Protein backbone atom coordinates (compact mmCIF):
# COMPACT_ATOMS: atom_id res chain seq x y z
CA MET A 1 18.46 10.52 4.89
CA ALA A 2 20.09 9.10 1.79
CA TYR A 3 22.37 6.10 2.25
CA ASP A 4 23.12 2.72 0.67
CA PHE A 5 20.31 0.65 2.15
CA LEU A 6 21.97 -2.57 0.99
CA THR A 7 24.35 -1.93 3.91
CA GLU A 8 23.59 -1.68 7.63
CA GLN A 9 21.41 1.26 8.68
CA PRO A 10 23.78 4.03 9.92
CA VAL A 11 21.24 5.61 12.30
CA SER A 12 20.40 3.48 15.29
CA GLY A 13 17.80 3.98 17.97
CA ALA A 14 15.25 5.94 15.94
CA ALA A 15 11.58 5.54 16.80
CA VAL A 16 10.56 5.27 13.12
CA TYR A 17 12.25 4.23 9.88
CA PHE A 18 10.24 5.42 6.87
CA PHE A 19 10.64 3.91 3.38
CA ARG A 20 8.87 5.83 0.63
CA TRP A 21 8.90 4.45 -2.91
CA ILE A 22 11.81 2.08 -2.27
CA PHE A 23 10.68 -1.53 -2.45
CA HIS A 24 8.82 -1.48 -5.78
CA ASN A 25 12.17 -1.37 -7.63
CA TRP A 26 13.70 -4.38 -5.87
CA SER A 27 13.10 -8.12 -5.99
CA ASP A 28 11.94 -9.89 -2.84
CA LYS A 29 15.51 -11.02 -2.15
CA TYR A 30 16.77 -7.43 -1.92
CA CYS A 31 13.70 -6.14 -0.05
CA ILE A 32 14.38 -8.75 2.63
CA GLN A 33 18.05 -7.71 2.75
CA ILE A 34 17.11 -4.02 3.10
CA LEU A 35 14.77 -4.79 6.00
CA ARG A 36 17.24 -7.15 7.69
CA ASN A 37 19.90 -4.42 7.54
CA HIS A 38 17.72 -2.46 9.98
CA ILE A 39 17.53 -5.11 12.68
CA PRO A 40 20.76 -4.02 14.45
CA ALA A 41 19.54 -0.40 14.51
CA LEU A 42 16.07 -1.08 15.93
CA LYS A 43 15.31 -0.22 19.52
CA PRO A 44 12.42 -1.88 21.34
CA GLY A 45 9.13 -0.50 20.03
CA ALA A 46 10.64 1.03 16.88
CA LYS A 47 8.45 1.05 13.78
CA ILE A 48 9.24 0.49 10.11
CA ILE A 49 6.74 2.29 7.88
CA ILE A 50 6.55 1.39 4.19
CA ASN A 51 4.80 3.75 1.76
CA ASP A 52 4.81 2.10 -1.66
CA ASN A 53 2.57 0.80 -4.42
CA VAL A 54 1.80 -2.86 -4.94
CA LEU A 55 0.33 -3.80 -8.28
CA PRO A 56 -2.44 -6.39 -7.96
CA ARG A 57 -2.85 -9.35 -10.27
CA PRO A 58 -4.54 -8.37 -13.55
CA GLY A 59 -8.33 -8.48 -13.36
CA VAL A 60 -8.63 -7.90 -9.58
CA MET A 61 -9.82 -4.29 -9.92
CA SER A 62 -11.72 -2.46 -12.64
CA LYS A 63 -9.89 -1.97 -15.94
CA TRP A 64 -9.87 1.81 -15.40
CA GLN A 65 -8.34 1.51 -11.90
CA GLU A 66 -5.76 -1.00 -13.07
CA ASP A 67 -4.77 1.09 -16.10
CA ARG A 68 -4.41 4.19 -13.93
CA LEU A 69 -2.30 2.42 -11.30
CA ARG A 70 -0.05 0.85 -13.93
CA TYR A 71 0.32 4.21 -15.70
CA VAL A 72 1.38 5.97 -12.49
CA THR A 73 3.84 3.19 -11.68
CA LYS A 74 5.30 3.36 -15.19
CA GLN A 75 5.68 7.15 -14.89
CA ILE A 76 7.56 6.79 -11.60
CA LEU A 77 9.90 4.20 -13.06
CA THR A 78 10.49 6.38 -16.14
CA THR A 79 11.50 9.38 -14.01
CA LEU A 80 13.94 7.23 -12.04
CA LEU A 81 15.78 6.13 -15.18
């Protein structure tokens, strides 16, 4: 469901809240705000699932893997603009 996730979550009591490709575009400050906006909506046992990419520090993985991951991330950002 599309909504302004910088405001309180409009659906309360769901078993799962799923975020796909959301947090990579926001600084930590806003990611925390987005997650905190869900607290009033959460019922006991509810889950928040995050499906997103996290870029590692340079040099942690092979050059090929890092180049591929950075390319895919750049493509996603380009399509969003």
